Amino acid sequence: MSDDIRPFRIAVSDADLDDLHQRLDRTRWPHALPGVGWERGVPADELEPLVAYWRDEYDWRLQEERLNAFGQFMTRSTASRSTSCTSDRRSRTRCR
């Protein structure tokens, strides 16, 4: 285990967002099975509007800015990475 703790900022690249948009555009929606509802997962008629929101309305950059307003840090724990954020005095939010 390392004691190396480094500041961390969320920075999703434009290329990653473009790739996400392209993959969302290529979604192949299944035909709904009659009378199944939520028994076999999220119904497509519930999921399609959410995906459209992610694709066309969700402001990724605004969310990055909001999350990066909190002090966030990264360290190595055993063999995996983890992130943590702490709040400023105006908020009680804590992330681990």
C-alpha atoms as a PDB file:
ATOM      1  CA  MET A   1       0.000   0.000   0.000  1.00  0.00           C
ATOM      2  CA  SER A   2       1.253   3.443  -0.871  1.00  0.00           C
ATOM      3  CA  ASP A   3       0.941   6.691   1.047  1.00  0.00           C
ATOM      4  CA  ASP A   4       1.041   8.632  -2.227  1.00  0.00           C
ATOM      5  CA  ILE A   5      -2.139  10.762  -2.257  1.00  0.00           C
ATOM      6  CA  ARG A   6      -2.583  12.983  -5.287  1.00  0.00           C
ATOM      7  CA  PRO A   7      -5.208  15.586  -6.211  1.00  0.00           C
ATOM      8  CA  PHE A   8      -7.666  14.283  -8.792  1.00  0.00           C
ATOM      9  CA  ARG A   9      -9.886  16.158 -11.258  1.00  0.00           C
ATOM     10  CA  ILE A  10     -12.609  14.710 -13.427  1.00  0.00           C
ATOM     11  CA  ALA A  11     -11.762  15.443 -17.057  1.00  0.00           C
ATOM     12  CA  VAL A  12     -13.761  13.475 -19.605  1.00  0.00           C
ATOM     13  CA  SER A  13     -12.286  14.056 -23.039  1.00  0.00           C
ATOM     14  CA  ASP A  14     -14.335  15.351 -25.963  1.00  0.00           C
ATOM     15  CA  ALA A  15     -13.372  12.165 -27.802  1.00  0.00           C
ATOM     16  CA  ASP A  16     -14.876  10.043 -25.006  1.00  0.00           C
ATOM     17  CA  LEU A  17     -18.094  12.063 -25.063  1.00  0.00           C
ATOM     18  CA  ASP A  18     -18.255  11.833 -28.866  1.00  0.00           C
ATOM     19  CA  ASP A  19     -17.777   8.068 -28.593  1.00  0.00           C
ATOM     20  CA  LEU A  20     -20.545   7.843 -26.005  1.00  0.00           C
ATOM     21  CA  HIS A  21     -22.901   9.863 -28.225  1.00  0.00           C
ATOM     22  CA  GLN A  22     -22.144   7.599 -31.171  1.00  0.00           C
ATOM     23  CA  ARG A  23     -22.751   4.457 -29.121  1.00  0.00           C
ATOM     24  CA  LEU A  24     -26.030   5.851 -27.775  1.00  0.00           C
ATOM     25  CA  ASP A  25     -27.065   6.705 -31.345  1.00  0.00           C
ATOM     26  CA  ARG A  26     -26.411   3.091 -32.360  1.00  0.00           C
ATOM     27  CA  THR A  27     -28.520   1.570 -29.574  1.00  0.00           C
ATOM     28  CA  ARG A  28     -30.665  -1.270 -30.856  1.00  0.00           C
ATOM     29  CA  TRP A  29     -33.824  -1.159 -28.796  1.00  0.00           C
ATOM     30  CA  PRO A  30     -35.584  -4.475 -28.173  1.00  0.00           C
ATOM     31  CA  HIS A  31     -39.253  -5.013 -28.913  1.00  0.00           C
ATOM     32  CA  ALA A  32     -41.265  -4.954 -25.713  1.00  0.00           C
ATOM     33  CA  LEU A  33     -42.697  -8.260 -24.572  1.00  0.00           C
ATOM     34  CA  PRO A  34     -46.397  -7.899 -23.809  1.00  0.00           C
ATOM     35  CA  GLY A  35     -47.309  -7.965 -20.131  1.00  0.00           C
ATOM     36  CA  VAL A  36     -43.737  -8.250 -18.836  1.00  0.00           C
ATOM     37  CA  GLY A  37     -43.233  -4.750 -17.390  1.00  0.00           C
ATOM     38  CA  TRP A  38     -40.187  -4.568 -15.115  1.00  0.00           C
ATOM     39  CA  GLU A  39     -39.900  -8.313 -14.572  1.00  0.00           C
ATOM     40  CA  ARG A  40     -37.110  -8.691 -17.135  1.00  0.00           C
ATOM     41  CA  GLY A  41     -35.263  -5.419 -16.678  1.00  0.00           C
ATOM     42  CA  VAL A  42     -35.976  -1.807 -17.493  1.00  0.00           C
ATOM     43  CA  PRO A  43     -38.677  -1.503 -20.157  1.00  0.00           C
ATOM     44  CA  ALA A  44     -37.435   0.191 -23.320  1.00  0.00           C
ATOM     45  CA  ASP A  45     -40.186   2.819 -23.147  1.00  0.00           C
ATOM     46  CA  GLU A  46     -38.763   3.852 -19.752  1.00  0.00           C
ATOM     47  CA  LEU A  47     -35.130   3.708 -20.842  1.00  0.00           C
ATOM     48  CA  GLU A  48     -35.344   5.463 -24.217  1.00  0.00           C
ATOM     49  CA  PRO A  49     -36.201   8.912 -22.746  1.00  0.00           C
ATOM     50  CA  LEU A  50     -33.375   8.564 -20.214  1.00  0.00           C
ATOM     51  CA  VAL A  51     -30.876   7.707 -22.949  1.00  0.00           C
ATOM     52  CA  ALA A  52     -32.157  10.634 -25.037  1.00  0.00           C
ATOM     53  CA  TYR A  53     -31.572  12.899 -22.020  1.00  0.00           C
ATOM     54  CA  TRP A  54     -28.009  11.608 -21.599  1.00  0.00           C
ATOM     55  CA  ARG A  55     -27.417  12.048 -25.308  1.00  0.00           C
ATOM     56  CA  ASP A  56     -28.947  15.474 -25.885  1.00  0.00           C
ATOM     57  CA  GLU A  57     -29.545  17.356 -22.651  1.00  0.00           C
ATOM     58  CA  TYR A  58     -27.215  16.219 -19.866  1.00  0.00           C
ATOM     59  CA  ASP A  59     -24.534  18.852 -19.324  1.00  0.00           C
ATOM     60  CA  TRP A  60     -21.402  16.775 -18.777  1.00  0.00           C
ATOM     61  CA  ARG A  61     -19.155  19.820 -18.436  1.00  0.00           C
ATOM     62  CA  LEU A  62     -21.376  21.413 -15.796  1.00  0.00           C
ATOM     63  CA  GLN A  63     -21.340  18.188 -13.776  1.00  0.00           C
ATOM     64  CA  GLU A  64     -17.553  17.952 -14.070  1.00  0.00           C
ATOM     65  CA  GLU A  65     -17.295  21.513 -12.807  1.00  0.00           C
ATOM     66  CA  ARG A  66     -19.616  20.828  -9.875  1.00  0.00           C
ATOM     67  CA  LEU A  67     -17.801  17.642  -8.875  1.00  0.00           C
ATOM     68  CA  ASN A  68     -14.374  19.246  -9.286  1.00  0.00           C
ATOM     69  CA  ALA A  69     -15.437  22.014  -6.889  1.00  0.00           C
ATOM     70  CA  PHE A  70     -14.849  19.439  -4.127  1.00  0.00           C
ATOM     71  CA  GLY A  71     -11.324  18.500  -3.148  1.00  0.00           C
ATOM     72  CA  GLN A  72     -10.793  15.046  -4.632  1.00  0.00           C
ATOM     73  CA  PHE A  73      -7.801  12.792  -4.215  1.00  0.00           C
ATOM     74  CA  MET A  74      -6.530   9.535  -5.633  1.00  0.00           C
ATOM     75  CA  THR A  75      -4.313   6.931  -4.078  1.00  0.00           C
ATOM     76  CA  ARG A  76      -3.438   3.305  -4.678  1.00  0.00           C
ATOM     77  CA  SER A  77      -4.918   0.796  -2.300  1.00  0.00           C
ATOM     78  CA  THR A  78      -3.499  -2.686  -2.754  1.00  0.00           C
ATOM     79  CA  ALA A  79      -3.658  -3.093  -6.553  1.00  0.00           C
ATOM     80  CA  SER A  80      -6.666  -0.909  -7.342  1.00  0.00           C
ATOM     81  CA  ARG A  81      -7.288   2.818  -7.621  1.00  0.00           C
ATOM     82  CA  SER A  82      -9.797   4.658  -5.490  1.00  0.00           C
ATOM     83  CA  THR A  83     -10.993   8.226  -5.360  1.00  0.00           C
ATOM     84  CA  SER A  84     -12.079  10.340  -2.459  1.00  0.00           C
ATOM     85  CA  CYS A  85     -13.449  13.852  -2.126  1.00  0.00           C
ATOM     86  CA  THR A  86     -13.941  16.073   0.862  1.00  0.00           C
ATOM     87  CA  SER A  87     -16.381  18.885   1.329  1.00  0.00           C
ATOM     88  CA  ASP A  88     -15.802  22.537   1.844  1.00  0.00           C
ATOM     89  CA  ARG A  89     -17.268  24.216   4.928  1.00  0.00           C
ATOM     90  CA  ARG A  90     -20.549  25.047   3.152  1.00  0.00           C
ATOM     91  CA  SER A  91     -21.453  21.441   2.403  1.00  0.00           C
ATOM     92  CA  ARG A  92     -21.498  18.154   4.294  1.00  0.00           C
ATOM     93  CA  THR A  93     -20.844  16.073   1.212  1.00  0.00           C
ATOM     94  CA  ARG A  94     -18.103  13.464   1.525  1.00  0.00           C
ATOM     95  CA  CYS A  95     -17.041  10.902  -1.055  1.00  0.00           C
ATOM     96  CA  ARG A  96     -14.859   7.861  -0.606  1.00  0.00           C
END
